[in-house]
Amino acid sequence: MASRIVDELEVVTLDTGRLPEETHTIMERLGRRYPIRLRVVSPD
């Protein structure tokens, strides 16, 4: 929805260090399809 409204999405996601591999897979698929500026945030 947001990609139809703004040219480049500022997306923030939390990489906890314990995510399933499949979550990284869908992250990459959506990143290739949509104009995402992805910011991956990790624990201190």
PDB file of all heavy atoms in Angstrom:
ATOM      1  N   MET A   1       0.826  -1.214   0.000  1.00  0.00           N
ATOM      2  CA  MET A   1       0.000   0.000   0.000  1.00  0.00           C
ATOM      3  C   MET A   1       0.857   1.259   0.000  1.00  0.00           C
ATOM      4  O   MET A   1       0.627   2.183  -0.789  1.00  0.00           O
ATOM      5  CB  MET A   1      -0.913   0.007   1.231  1.00  0.00           C
ATOM      6  CG  MET A   1      -2.084  -0.935   1.165  1.00  0.00           C
ATOM      7  SD  MET A   1      -3.130  -0.726   2.637  1.00  0.00           S
ATOM      8  CE  MET A   1      -4.472  -1.850   2.236  1.00  0.00           C
ATOM      9  N   ALA A   2       1.842   1.301   0.889  1.00  0.00           N
ATOM     10  CA  ALA A   2       2.659   2.503   1.034  1.00  0.00           C
ATOM     11  C   ALA A   2       3.490   2.777  -0.210  1.00  0.00           C
ATOM     12  O   ALA A   2       3.757   3.937  -0.546  1.00  0.00           O
ATOM     13  CB  ALA A   2       3.558   2.383   2.261  1.00  0.00           C
ATOM     14  N   SER A   3       3.896   1.715  -0.919  1.00  0.00           N
ATOM     15  CA  SER A   3       4.707   1.903  -2.120  1.00  0.00           C
ATOM     16  C   SER A   3       3.925   2.586  -3.237  1.00  0.00           C
ATOM     17  O   SER A   3       4.520   3.119  -4.176  1.00  0.00           O
ATOM     18  CB  SER A   3       5.229   0.551  -2.621  1.00  0.00           C
ATOM     19  OG  SER A   3       4.173  -0.253  -3.128  1.00  0.00           O
ATOM     20  N   ARG A   4       2.598   2.588  -3.131  1.00  0.00           N
ATOM     21  CA  ARG A   4       1.760   3.280  -4.111  1.00  0.00           C
ATOM     22  C   ARG A   4       1.602   4.763  -3.761  1.00  0.00           C
ATOM     23  O   ARG A   4       1.036   5.531  -4.535  1.00  0.00           O
ATOM     24  CB  ARG A   4       0.381   2.621  -4.182  1.00  0.00           C
ATOM     25  CG  ARG A   4       0.421   1.130  -4.494  1.00  0.00           C
ATOM     26  CD  ARG A   4      -0.948   0.477  -4.296  1.00  0.00           C
ATOM     27  NE  ARG A   4      -0.849  -0.974  -4.315  1.00  0.00           N
ATOM     28  CZ  ARG A   4      -0.938  -1.709  -5.411  1.00  0.00           C
ATOM     29  NH1 ARG A   4      -1.123  -1.123  -6.576  1.00  0.00           N
ATOM     30  NH2 ARG A   4      -0.846  -3.032  -5.356  1.00  0.00           N
ATOM     31  N   ILE A   5       2.087   5.131  -2.567  1.00  0.00           N
ATOM     32  CA  ILE A   5       1.895   6.500  -2.080  1.00  0.00           C
ATOM     33  C   ILE A   5       3.197   7.285  -2.054  1.00  0.00           C
ATOM     34  O   ILE A   5       3.218   8.475  -2.374  1.00  0.00           O
ATOM     35  CB  ILE A   5       1.270   6.451  -0.661  1.00  0.00           C
ATOM     36  CG1 ILE A   5      -0.124   5.814  -0.744  1.00  0.00           C
ATOM     37  CG2 ILE A   5       1.208   7.845  -0.029  1.00  0.00           C
ATOM     38  CD1 ILE A   5      -0.725   5.487   0.608  1.00  0.00           C
ATOM     39  N   VAL A   6       4.304   6.633  -1.666  1.00  0.00           N
ATOM     40  CA  VAL A   6       5.605   7.306  -1.610  1.00  0.00           C
ATOM     41  C   VAL A   6       6.588   6.604  -2.537  1.00  0.00           C
ATOM     42  O   VAL A   6       6.448   5.411  -2.827  1.00  0.00           O
ATOM     43  CB  VAL A   6       6.154   7.340  -0.174  1.00  0.00           C
ATOM     44  CG1 VAL A   6       5.267   8.180   0.716  1.00  0.00           C
ATOM     45  CG2 VAL A   6       6.294   5.943   0.396  1.00  0.00           C
ATOM     46  N   ASP A   7       7.578   7.353  -2.997  1.00  0.00           N
ATOM     47  CA  ASP A   7       8.526   6.813  -3.975  1.00  0.00           C
ATOM     48  C   ASP A   7       9.488   5.808  -3.355  1.00  0.00           C
ATOM     49  O   ASP A   7       9.874   4.830  -3.992  1.00  0.00           O
ATOM     50  CB  ASP A   7       9.317   7.957  -4.617  1.00  0.00           C
ATOM     51  CG  ASP A   7       8.438   8.845  -5.486  1.00  0.00           C
ATOM     52  OD1 ASP A   7       7.426   8.337  -6.013  1.00  0.00           O
ATOM     53  OD2 ASP A   7       8.753  10.043  -5.627  1.00  0.00           O
ATOM     54  N   GLU A   8       9.923   6.079  -2.137  1.00  0.00           N
ATOM     55  CA  GLU A   8      10.861   5.178  -1.480  1.00  0.00           C
ATOM     56  C   GLU A   8      10.465   5.014  -0.016  1.00  0.00           C
ATOM     57  O   GLU A   8      10.400   5.996   0.727  1.00  0.00           O
ATOM     58  CB  GLU A   8      12.291   5.723  -1.564  1.00  0.00           C
ATOM     59  CG  GLU A   8      13.335   4.756  -1.016  1.00  0.00           C
ATOM     60  CD  GLU A   8      14.738   5.304  -1.158  1.00  0.00           C
ATOM     61  OE1 GLU A   8      14.945   6.512  -0.969  1.00  0.00           O
ATOM     62  OE2 GLU A   8      15.652   4.496  -1.448  1.00  0.00           O
ATOM     63  N   LEU A   9      10.207   3.783   0.374  1.00  0.00           N
ATOM     64  CA  LEU A   9       9.758   3.506   1.733  1.00  0.00           C
ATOM     65  C   LEU A   9      10.932   3.385   2.681  1.00  0.00           C
ATOM     66  O   LEU A   9      11.914   2.690   2.399  1.00  0.00           O
ATOM     67  CB  LEU A   9       8.974   2.192   1.777  1.00  0.00           C
ATOM     68  CG  LEU A   9       7.688   2.097   0.980  1.00  0.00           C
ATOM     69  CD1 LEU A   9       7.084   0.721   1.175  1.00  0.00           C
ATOM     70  CD2 LEU A   9       6.723   3.171   1.402  1.00  0.00           C
ATOM     71  N   GLU A  10      10.813   4.044   3.813  1.00  0.00           N
ATOM     72  CA  GLU A  10      11.797   3.885   4.867  1.00  0.00           C
ATOM     73  C   GLU A  10      11.256   2.806   5.800  1.00  0.00           C
ATOM     74  O   GLU A  10      10.339   3.040   6.582  1.00  0.00           O
ATOM     75  CB  GLU A  10      12.003   5.210   5.605  1.00  0.00           C
ATOM     76  CG  GLU A  10      13.274   5.256   6.411  1.00  0.00           C
ATOM     77  CD  GLU A  10      13.680   6.671   6.760  1.00  0.00           C
ATOM     78  OE1 GLU A  10      13.210   7.617   6.103  1.00  0.00           O
ATOM     79  OE2 GLU A  10      14.467   6.820   7.712  1.00  0.00           O
ATOM     80  N   VAL A  11      11.818   1.609   5.692  1.00  0.00           N
ATOM     81  CA  VAL A  11      11.349   0.448   6.441  1.00  0.00           C
ATOM     82  C   VAL A  11      12.370   0.092   7.514  1.00  0.00           C
ATOM     83  O   VAL A  11      13.564  -0.044   7.236  1.00  0.00           O
ATOM     84  CB  VAL A  11      11.104  -0.759   5.511  1.00  0.00           C
ATOM     85  CG1 VAL A  11      10.691  -1.983   6.316  1.00  0.00           C
ATOM     86  CG2 VAL A  11      10.043  -0.424   4.471  1.00  0.00           C
ATOM     87  N   VAL A  12      11.878  -0.079   8.728  1.00  0.00           N
ATOM     88  CA  VAL A  12      12.720  -0.490   9.850  1.00  0.00           C
ATOM     89  C   VAL A  12      12.309  -1.902  10.263  1.00  0.00           C
ATOM     90  O   VAL A  12      11.118  -2.196  10.395  1.00  0.00           O
ATOM     91  CB  VAL A  12      12.556   0.471  11.048  1.00  0.00           C
ATOM     92  CG1 VAL A  12      13.290  -0.070  12.273  1.00  0.00           C
ATOM     93  CG2 VAL A  12      13.051   1.863  10.695  1.00  0.00           C
ATOM     94  N   THR A  13      13.276  -2.770  10.440  1.00  0.00           N
ATOM     95  CA  THR A  13      12.979  -4.118  10.923  1.00  0.00           C
ATOM     96  C   THR A  13      13.963  -4.496  12.013  1.00  0.00           C
ATOM     97  O   THR A  13      15.093  -4.004  12.045  1.00  0.00           O
ATOM     98  CB  THR A  13      13.031  -5.145   9.774  1.00  0.00           C
ATOM     99  OG1 THR A  13      12.465  -6.385  10.220  1.00  0.00           O
ATOM    100  CG2 THR A  13      14.451  -5.393   9.290  1.00  0.00           C
ATOM    101  N   LEU A  14      13.523  -5.333  12.921  1.00  0.00           N
ATOM    102  CA  LEU A  14      14.341  -5.774  14.042  1.00  0.00           C
ATOM    103  C   LEU A  14      14.917  -7.159  13.752  1.00  0.00           C
ATOM    104  O   LEU A  14      14.164  -8.116  13.581  1.00  0.00           O
ATOM    105  CB  LEU A  14      13.506  -5.823  15.327  1.00  0.00           C
ATOM    106  CG  LEU A  14      12.792  -4.530  15.729  1.00  0.00           C
ATOM    107  CD1 LEU A  14      11.936  -4.774  16.971  1.00  0.00           C
ATOM    108  CD2 LEU A  14      13.795  -3.417  15.982  1.00  0.00           C
ATOM    109  N   ASP A  15      16.220  -7.242  13.679  1.00  0.00           N
ATOM    110  CA  ASP A  15      16.877  -8.538  13.572  1.00  0.00           C
ATOM    111  C   ASP A  15      17.335  -8.934  14.963  1.00  0.00           C
ATOM    112  O   ASP A  15      18.368  -8.474  15.455  1.00  0.00           O
ATOM    113  CB  ASP A  15      18.062  -8.468  12.611  1.00  0.00           C
ATOM    114  CG  ASP A  15      18.689  -9.846  12.375  1.00  0.00           C
ATOM    115  OD1 ASP A  15      18.294 -10.809  13.067  1.00  0.00           O
ATOM    116  OD2 ASP A  15      19.563  -9.951  11.498  1.00  0.00           O
ATOM    117  N   THR A  16      16.570  -9.774  15.606  1.00  0.00           N
ATOM    118  CA  THR A  16      16.830 -10.143  16.998  1.00  0.00           C
ATOM    119  C   THR A  16      18.048 -11.033  17.167  1.00  0.00           C
ATOM    120  O   THR A  16      18.527 -11.242  18.275  1.00  0.00           O
ATOM    121  CB  THR A  16      15.621 -10.882  17.582  1.00  0.00           C
ATOM    122  OG1 THR A  16      15.446 -12.122  16.865  1.00  0.00           O
ATOM    123  CG2 THR A  16      14.356 -10.039  17.464  1.00  0.00           C
ATOM    124  N   GLY A  17      18.524 -11.593  16.067  1.00  0.00           N
ATOM    125  CA  GLY A  17      19.600 -12.573  16.133  1.00  0.00           C
ATOM    126  C   GLY A  17      19.098 -13.995  16.228  1.00  0.00           C
ATOM    127  O   GLY A  17      19.890 -14.941  16.152  1.00  0.00           O
ATOM    128  N   ARG A  18      17.767 -14.166  16.365  1.00  0.00           N
ATOM    129  CA  ARG A  18      17.186 -15.504  16.480  1.00  0.00           C
ATOM    130  C   ARG A  18      16.046 -15.701  15.474  1.00  0.00           C
ATOM    131  O   ARG A  18      15.188 -16.556  15.659  1.00  0.00           O
ATOM    132  CB  ARG A  18      16.656 -15.746  17.907  1.00  0.00           C
ATOM    133  CG  ARG A  18      17.659 -15.572  19.030  1.00  0.00           C
ATOM    134  CD  ARG A  18      18.839 -16.545  18.954  1.00  0.00           C
ATOM    135  NE  ARG A  18      18.453 -17.929  19.083  1.00  0.00           N
ATOM    136  CZ  ARG A  18      18.413 -18.608  20.241  1.00  0.00           C
ATOM    137  NH1 ARG A  18      18.727 -17.989  21.375  1.00  0.00           N
ATOM    138  NH2 ARG A  18      18.082 -19.870  20.267  1.00  0.00           N
ATOM    139  N   LEU A  19      16.028 -14.906  14.404  1.00  0.00           N
ATOM    140  CA  LEU A  19      14.944 -15.017  13.425  1.00  0.00           C
ATOM    141  C   LEU A  19      15.085 -16.287  12.594  1.00  0.00           C
ATOM    142  O   LEU A  19      16.190 -16.761  12.332  1.00  0.00           O
ATOM    143  CB  LEU A  19      14.953 -13.810  12.476  1.00  0.00           C
ATOM    144  CG  LEU A  19      14.693 -12.435  13.075  1.00  0.00           C
ATOM    145  CD1 LEU A  19      14.769 -11.373  11.974  1.00  0.00           C
ATOM    146  CD2 LEU A  19      13.338 -12.381  13.770  1.00  0.00           C
ATOM    147  N   PRO A  20      13.948 -16.841  12.113  1.00  0.00           N
ATOM    148  CA  PRO A  20      14.009 -17.969  11.193  1.00  0.00           C
ATOM    149  C   PRO A  20      14.672 -17.549   9.883  1.00  0.00           C
ATOM    150  O   PRO A  20      14.555 -16.383   9.465  1.00  0.00           O
ATOM    151  CB  PRO A  20      12.538 -18.330  10.962  1.00  0.00           C
ATOM    152  CG  PRO A  20      11.779 -17.649  12.036  1.00  0.00           C
ATOM    153  CD  PRO A  20      12.563 -16.435  12.420  1.00  0.00           C
ATOM    154  N   GLU A  21      15.331 -18.459   9.226  1.00  0.00           N
ATOM    155  CA  GLU A  21      15.933 -18.153   7.926  1.00  0.00           C
ATOM    156  C   GLU A  21      14.874 -17.691   6.933  1.00  0.00           C
ATOM    157  O   GLU A  21      15.129 -16.838   6.069  1.00  0.00           O
ATOM    158  CB  GLU A  21      16.661 -19.390   7.392  1.00  0.00           C
ATOM    159  CG  GLU A  21      17.329 -19.177   6.038  1.00  0.00           C
ATOM    160  CD  GLU A  21      18.387 -18.081   6.076  1.00  0.00           C
ATOM    161  OE1 GLU A  21      19.011 -17.886   7.135  1.00  0.00           O
ATOM    162  OE2 GLU A  21      18.583 -17.421   5.033  1.00  0.00           O
ATOM    163  N   GLU A  22      13.668 -18.243   7.062  1.00  0.00           N
ATOM    164  CA  GLU A  22      12.588 -17.878   6.139  1.00  0.00           C
ATOM    165  C   GLU A  22      12.201 -16.399   6.252  1.00  0.00           C
ATOM    166  O   GLU A  22      11.714 -15.812   5.290  1.00  0.00           O
ATOM    167  CB  GLU A  22      11.354 -18.746   6.411  1.00  0.00           C
ATOM    168  CG  GLU A  22      11.522 -20.214   6.039  1.00  0.00           C
ATOM    169  CD  GLU A  22      12.165 -21.040   7.152  1.00  0.00           C
ATOM    170  OE1 GLU A  22      12.625 -20.456   8.153  1.00  0.00           O
ATOM    171  OE2 GLU A  22      12.209 -22.285   7.005  1.00  0.00           O
ATOM    172  N   THR A  23      12.410 -15.807   7.419  1.00  0.00           N
ATOM    173  CA  THR A  23      12.117 -14.381   7.564  1.00  0.00           C
ATOM    174  C   THR A  23      13.093 -13.554   6.735  1.00  0.00           C
ATOM    175  O   THR A  23      12.715 -12.571   6.083  1.00  0.00           O
ATOM    176  CB  THR A  23      12.172 -13.957   9.041  1.00  0.00           C
ATOM    177  OG1 THR A  23      11.160 -14.663   9.763  1.00  0.00           O
ATOM    178  CG2 THR A  23      11.928 -12.461   9.193  1.00  0.00           C
ATOM    179  N   HIS A  24      14.353 -13.959   6.722  1.00  0.00           N
ATOM    180  CA  HIS A  24      15.335 -13.268   5.891  1.00  0.00           C
ATOM    181  C   HIS A  24      15.021 -13.475   4.404  1.00  0.00           C
ATOM    182  O   HIS A  24      15.249 -12.577   3.586  1.00  0.00           O
ATOM    183  CB  HIS A  24      16.742 -13.773   6.213  1.00  0.00           C
ATOM    184  CG  HIS A  24      17.196 -13.417   7.593  1.00  0.00           C
ATOM    185  ND1 HIS A  24      17.635 -12.151   7.925  1.00  0.00           N
ATOM    186  CD2 HIS A  24      17.267 -14.147   8.732  1.00  0.00           C
ATOM    187  CE1 HIS A  24      17.961 -12.122   9.201  1.00  0.00           C
ATOM    188  NE2 HIS A  24      17.747 -13.318   9.724  1.00  0.00           N
ATOM    189  N   THR A  25      14.471 -14.627   4.072  1.00  0.00           N
ATOM    190  CA  THR A  25      14.114 -14.911   2.686  1.00  0.00           C
ATOM    191  C   THR A  25      13.021 -13.965   2.194  1.00  0.00           C
ATOM    192  O   THR A  25      13.140 -13.357   1.116  1.00  0.00           O
ATOM    193  CB  THR A  25      13.634 -16.368   2.537  1.00  0.00           C
ATOM    194  OG1 THR A  25      14.690 -17.256   2.898  1.00  0.00           O
ATOM    195  CG2 THR A  25      13.202 -16.659   1.102  1.00  0.00           C
ATOM    196  N   ILE A  26      11.942 -13.815   2.978  1.00  0.00           N
ATOM    197  CA  ILE A  26      10.853 -12.932   2.545  1.00  0.00           C
ATOM    198  C   ILE A  26      11.299 -11.472   2.596  1.00  0.00           C
ATOM    199  O   ILE A  26      10.855 -10.641   1.794  1.00  0.00           O
ATOM    200  CB  ILE A  26       9.576 -13.165   3.392  1.00  0.00           C
ATOM    201  CG1 ILE A  26       8.387 -12.400   2.811  1.00  0.00           C
ATOM    202  CG2 ILE A  26       9.798 -12.771   4.844  1.00  0.00           C
ATOM    203  CD1 ILE A  26       7.993 -12.817   1.414  1.00  0.00           C
ATOM    204  N   MET A  27      12.190 -11.143   3.510  1.00  0.00           N
ATOM    205  CA  MET A  27      12.739  -9.796   3.580  1.00  0.00           C
ATOM    206  C   MET A  27      13.429  -9.445   2.262  1.00  0.00           C
ATOM    207  O   MET A  27      13.238  -8.354   1.700  1.00  0.00           O
ATOM    208  CB  MET A  27      13.740  -9.727   4.743  1.00  0.00           C
ATOM    209  CG  MET A  27      14.097  -8.335   5.206  1.00  0.00           C
ATOM    210  SD  MET A  27      15.349  -8.376   6.531  1.00  0.00           S
ATOM    211  CE  MET A  27      14.485  -9.334   7.798  1.00  0.00           C
ATOM    212  N   GLU A  28      14.212 -10.366   1.748  1.00  0.00           N
ATOM    213  CA  GLU A  28      14.919 -10.137   0.486  1.00  0.00           C
ATOM    214  C   GLU A  28      13.950 -10.081  -0.691  1.00  0.00           C
ATOM    215  O   GLU A  28      14.101  -9.244  -1.587  1.00  0.00           O
ATOM    216  CB  GLU A  28      15.954 -11.237   0.258  1.00  0.00           C
ATOM    217  CG  GLU A  28      17.136 -11.174   1.219  1.00  0.00           C
ATOM    218  CD  GLU A  28      18.186 -12.220   0.911  1.00  0.00           C
ATOM    219  OE1 GLU A  28      17.956 -13.035  -0.007  1.00  0.00           O
ATOM    220  OE2 GLU A  28      19.230 -12.214   1.586  1.00  0.00           O
ATOM    221  N   ARG A  29      12.942 -10.946  -0.702  1.00  0.00           N
ATOM    222  CA  ARG A  29      11.978 -10.952  -1.811  1.00  0.00           C
ATOM    223  C   ARG A  29      11.215  -9.637  -1.889  1.00  0.00           C
ATOM    224  O   ARG A  29      11.063  -9.051  -2.970  1.00  0.00           O
ATOM    225  CB  ARG A  29      10.988 -12.111  -1.649  1.00  0.00           C
ATOM    226  CG  ARG A  29      11.566 -13.485  -1.908  1.00  0.00           C
ATOM    227  CD  ARG A  29      10.461 -14.530  -1.928  1.00  0.00           C
ATOM    228  NE  ARG A  29       9.551 -14.329  -3.059  1.00  0.00           N
ATOM    229  CZ  ARG A  29       8.384 -14.981  -3.201  1.00  0.00           C
ATOM    230  NH1 ARG A  29       8.003 -15.851  -2.265  1.00  0.00           N
ATOM    231  NH2 ARG A  29       7.620 -14.763  -4.248  1.00  0.00           N
ATOM    232  N   LEU A  30      10.743  -9.161  -0.760  1.00  0.00           N
ATOM    233  CA  LEU A  30      10.007  -7.897  -0.768  1.00  0.00           C
ATOM    234  C   LEU A  30      10.941  -6.726  -1.059  1.00  0.00           C
ATOM    235  O   LEU A  30      10.531  -5.749  -1.712  1.00  0.00           O
ATOM    236  CB  LEU A  30       9.303  -7.696   0.574  1.00  0.00           C
ATOM    237  CG  LEU A  30       8.129  -8.643   0.852  1.00  0.00           C
ATOM    238  CD1 LEU A  30       7.599  -8.449   2.267  1.00  0.00           C
ATOM    239  CD2 LEU A  30       7.004  -8.434  -0.164  1.00  0.00           C
ATOM    240  N   GLY A  31      12.194  -6.829  -0.624  1.00  0.00           N
ATOM    241  CA  GLY A  31      13.157  -5.771  -0.910  1.00  0.00           C
ATOM    242  C   GLY A  31      13.482  -5.660  -2.386  1.00  0.00           C
ATOM    243  O   GLY A  31      13.769  -4.561  -2.883  1.00  0.00           O
ATOM    244  N   ARG A  32      13.440  -6.778  -3.094  1.00  0.00           N
ATOM    245  CA  ARG A  32      13.685  -6.741  -4.539  1.00  0.00           C
ATOM    246  C   ARG A  32      12.475  -6.216  -5.302  1.00  0.00           C
ATOM    247  O   ARG A  32      12.618  -5.600  -6.361  1.00  0.00           O
ATOM    248  CB  ARG A  32      14.048  -8.138  -5.045  1.00  0.00           C
ATOM    249  CG  ARG A  32      15.438  -8.616  -4.626  1.00  0.00           C
ATOM    250  CD  ARG A  32      15.858  -9.823  -5.429  1.00  0.00           C
ATOM    251  NE  ARG A  32      14.973 -10.963  -5.219  1.00  0.00           N
ATOM    252  CZ  ARG A  32      15.179 -11.913  -4.307  1.00  0.00           C
ATOM    253  NH1 ARG A  32      16.237 -11.831  -3.517  1.00  0.00           N
ATOM    254  NH2 ARG A  32      14.339 -12.920  -4.184  1.00  0.00           N
ATOM    255  N   ARG A  33      11.291  -6.454  -4.765  1.00  0.00           N
ATOM    256  CA  ARG A  33      10.074  -6.082  -5.488  1.00  0.00           C
ATOM    257  C   ARG A  33       9.683  -4.621  -5.285  1.00  0.00           C
ATOM    258  O   ARG A  33       9.160  -3.990  -6.207  1.00  0.00           O
ATOM    259  CB  ARG A  33       8.926  -6.983  -5.045  1.00  0.00           C
ATOM    260  CG  ARG A  33       7.573  -6.560  -5.605  1.00  0.00           C
ATOM    261  CD  ARG A  33       6.544  -7.628  -5.485  1.00  0.00           C
ATOM    262  NE  ARG A  33       5.244  -7.169  -5.943  1.00  0.00           N
ATOM    263  CZ  ARG A  33       4.230  -7.960  -6.210  1.00  0.00           C
ATOM    264  NH1 ARG A  33       4.378  -9.267  -6.091  1.00  0.00           N
ATOM    265  NH2 ARG A  33       3.077  -7.482  -6.598  1.00  0.00           N
ATOM    266  N   TYR A  34       9.916  -4.093  -4.077  1.00  0.00           N
ATOM    267  CA  TYR A  34       9.431  -2.751  -3.749  1.00  0.00           C
ATOM    268  C   TYR A  34      10.589  -1.789  -3.512  1.00  0.00           C
ATOM    269  O   TYR A  34      11.691  -2.210  -3.142  1.00  0.00           O
ATOM    270  CB  TYR A  34       8.540  -2.814  -2.501  1.00  0.00           C
ATOM    271  CG  TYR A  34       7.288  -3.624  -2.694  1.00  0.00           C
ATOM    272  CD1 TYR A  34       7.222  -4.945  -2.237  1.00  0.00           C
ATOM    273  CD2 TYR A  34       6.172  -3.085  -3.334  1.00  0.00           C
ATOM    274  CE1 TYR A  34       6.069  -5.696  -2.420  1.00  0.00           C
ATOM    275  CE2 TYR A  34       5.022  -3.831  -3.526  1.00  0.00           C
ATOM    276  CZ  TYR A  34       4.975  -5.143  -3.063  1.00  0.00           C
ATOM    277  OH  TYR A  34       3.833  -5.883  -3.249  1.00  0.00           O
ATOM    278  N   PRO A  35      10.335  -0.474  -3.699  1.00  0.00           N
ATOM    279  CA  PRO A  35      11.382   0.536  -3.495  1.00  0.00           C
ATOM    280  C   PRO A  35      11.613   0.801  -2.012  1.00  0.00           C
ATOM    281  O   PRO A  35      11.229   1.837  -1.475  1.00  0.00           O
ATOM    282  CB  PRO A  35      10.814   1.766  -4.211  1.00  0.00           C
ATOM    283  CG  PRO A  35       9.328   1.616  -4.065  1.00  0.00           C
ATOM    284  CD  PRO A  35       9.063   0.138  -4.163  1.00  0.00           C
ATOM    285  N   ILE A  36      12.257  -0.150  -1.356  1.00  0.00           N
ATOM    286  CA  ILE A  36      12.456  -0.083   0.099  1.00  0.00           C
ATOM    287  C   ILE A  36      13.861   0.414   0.427  1.00  0.00           C
ATOM    288  O   ILE A  36      14.848  -0.048  -0.161  1.00  0.00           O
ATOM    289  CB  ILE A  36      12.258  -1.476   0.733  1.00  0.00           C
ATOM    290  CG1 ILE A  36      10.800  -1.923   0.615  1.00  0.00           C
ATOM    291  CG2 ILE A  36      12.690  -1.477   2.186  1.00  0.00           C
ATOM    292  CD1 ILE A  36      10.577  -3.344   1.092  1.00  0.00           C
ATOM    293  N   ARG A  37      13.928   1.340   1.360  1.00  0.00           N
ATOM    294  CA  ARG A  37      15.202   1.682   1.988  1.00  0.00           C
ATOM    295  C   ARG A  37      15.169   1.018   3.359  1.00  0.00           C
ATOM    296  O   ARG A  37      14.615   1.548   4.320  1.00  0.00           O
ATOM    297  CB  ARG A  37      15.365   3.202   2.081  1.00  0.00           C
ATOM    298  CG  ARG A  37      16.734   3.606   2.644  1.00  0.00           C
ATOM    299  CD  ARG A  37      17.044   5.087   2.399  1.00  0.00           C
ATOM    300  NE  ARG A  37      16.239   5.957   3.243  1.00  0.00           N
ATOM    301  CZ  ARG A  37      15.231   6.708   2.819  1.00  0.00           C
ATOM    302  NH1 ARG A  37      14.871   6.672   1.538  1.00  0.00           N
ATOM    303  NH2 ARG A  37      14.570   7.492   3.648  1.00  0.00           N
ATOM    304  N   LEU A  38      15.758  -0.164   3.425  1.00  0.00           N
ATOM    305  CA  LEU A  38      15.620  -1.011   4.601  1.00  0.00           C
ATOM    306  C   LEU A  38      16.691  -0.697   5.634  1.00  0.00           C
ATOM    307  O   LEU A  38      17.891  -0.654   5.339  1.00  0.00           O
ATOM    308  CB  LEU A  38      15.705  -2.485   4.211  1.00  0.00           C
ATOM    309  CG  LEU A  38      15.529  -3.502   5.341  1.00  0.00           C
ATOM    310  CD1 LEU A  38      14.154  -3.382   5.963  1.00  0.00           C
ATOM    311  CD2 LEU A  38      15.769  -4.913   4.814  1.00  0.00           C
ATOM    312  N   ARG A  39      16.247  -0.521   6.864  1.00  0.00           N
ATOM    313  CA  ARG A  39      17.149  -0.308   7.987  1.00  0.00           C
ATOM    314  C   ARG A  39      16.978  -1.479   8.949  1.00  0.00           C
ATOM    315  O   ARG A  39      15.924  -1.640   9.563  1.00  0.00           O
ATOM    316  CB  ARG A  39      16.815   1.015   8.672  1.00  0.00           C
ATOM    317  CG  ARG A  39      17.718   1.345   9.852  1.00  0.00           C
ATOM    318  CD  ARG A  39      17.267   2.640  10.498  1.00  0.00           C
ATOM    319  NE  ARG A  39      17.985   2.909  11.732  1.00  0.00           N
ATOM    320  CZ  ARG A  39      17.584   3.768  12.667  1.00  0.00           C
ATOM    321  NH1 ARG A  39      16.457   4.446  12.487  1.00  0.00           N
ATOM    322  NH2 ARG A  39      18.290   3.946  13.753  1.00  0.00           N
ATOM    323  N   VAL A  40      17.990  -2.305   9.053  1.00  0.00           N
ATOM    324  CA  VAL A  40      17.947  -3.481   9.916  1.00  0.00           C
ATOM    325  C   VAL A  40      18.590  -3.123  11.252  1.00  0.00           C
ATOM    326  O   VAL A  40      19.759  -2.737  11.298  1.00  0.00           O
ATOM    327  CB  VAL A  40      18.673  -4.666   9.262  1.00  0.00           C
ATOM    328  CG1 VAL A  40      18.611  -5.881  10.182  1.00  0.00           C
ATOM    329  CG2 VAL A  40      18.067  -4.985   7.899  1.00  0.00           C
ATOM    330  N   VAL A  41      17.819  -3.250  12.322  1.00  0.00           N
ATOM    331  CA  VAL A  41      18.255  -2.840  13.651  1.00  0.00           C
ATOM    332  C   VAL A  41      18.505  -4.084  14.505  1.00  0.00           C
ATOM    333  O   VAL A  41      17.659  -4.980  14.576  1.00  0.00           O
ATOM    334  CB  VAL A  41      17.207  -1.937  14.318  1.00  0.00           C
ATOM    335  CG1 VAL A  41      17.670  -1.502  15.698  1.00  0.00           C
ATOM    336  CG2 VAL A  41      16.917  -0.726  13.434  1.00  0.00           C
ATOM    337  N   SER A  42      19.643  -4.125  15.161  1.00  0.00           N
ATOM    338  CA  SER A  42      20.028  -5.265  15.988  1.00  0.00           C
ATOM    339  C   SER A  42      20.130  -4.862  17.454  1.00  0.00           C
ATOM    340  O   SER A  42      20.256  -3.676  17.774  1.00  0.00           O
ATOM    341  CB  SER A  42      21.372  -5.825  15.515  1.00  0.00           C
ATOM    342  OG  SER A  42      21.306  -6.234  14.161  1.00  0.00           O
ATOM    343  N   PRO A  43      20.102  -5.830  18.353  1.00  0.00           N
ATOM    344  CA  PRO A  43      20.273  -5.530  19.788  1.00  0.00           C
ATOM    345  C   PRO A  43      21.648  -4.937  20.065  1.00  0.00           C
ATOM    346  O   PRO A  43      22.611  -5.187  19.328  1.00  0.00           O
ATOM    347  CB  PRO A  43      20.116  -6.900  20.457  1.00  0.00           C
ATOM    348  CG  PRO A  43      19.439  -7.766  19.448  1.00  0.00           C
ATOM    349  CD  PRO A  43      19.864  -7.258  18.104  1.00  0.00           C
ATOM    350  N   ASP A  44      21.736  -4.181  21.134  1.00  0.00           N
ATOM    351  CA  ASP A  44      23.022  -3.669  21.575  1.00  0.00           C
ATOM    352  C   ASP A  44      23.895  -4.859  21.983  1.00  0.00           C
ATOM    353  O   ASP A  44      23.491  -5.660  22.833  1.00  0.00           O
ATOM    354  CB  ASP A  44      22.822  -2.726  22.757  1.00  0.00           C
ATOM    355  CG  ASP A  44      24.132  -2.151  23.265  1.00  0.00           C
ATOM    356  OD1 ASP A  44      24.815  -2.853  24.032  1.00  0.00           O
ATOM    357  OD2 ASP A  44      24.450  -1.010  22.898  1.00  0.00           O
TER     358      ASP A  44
END
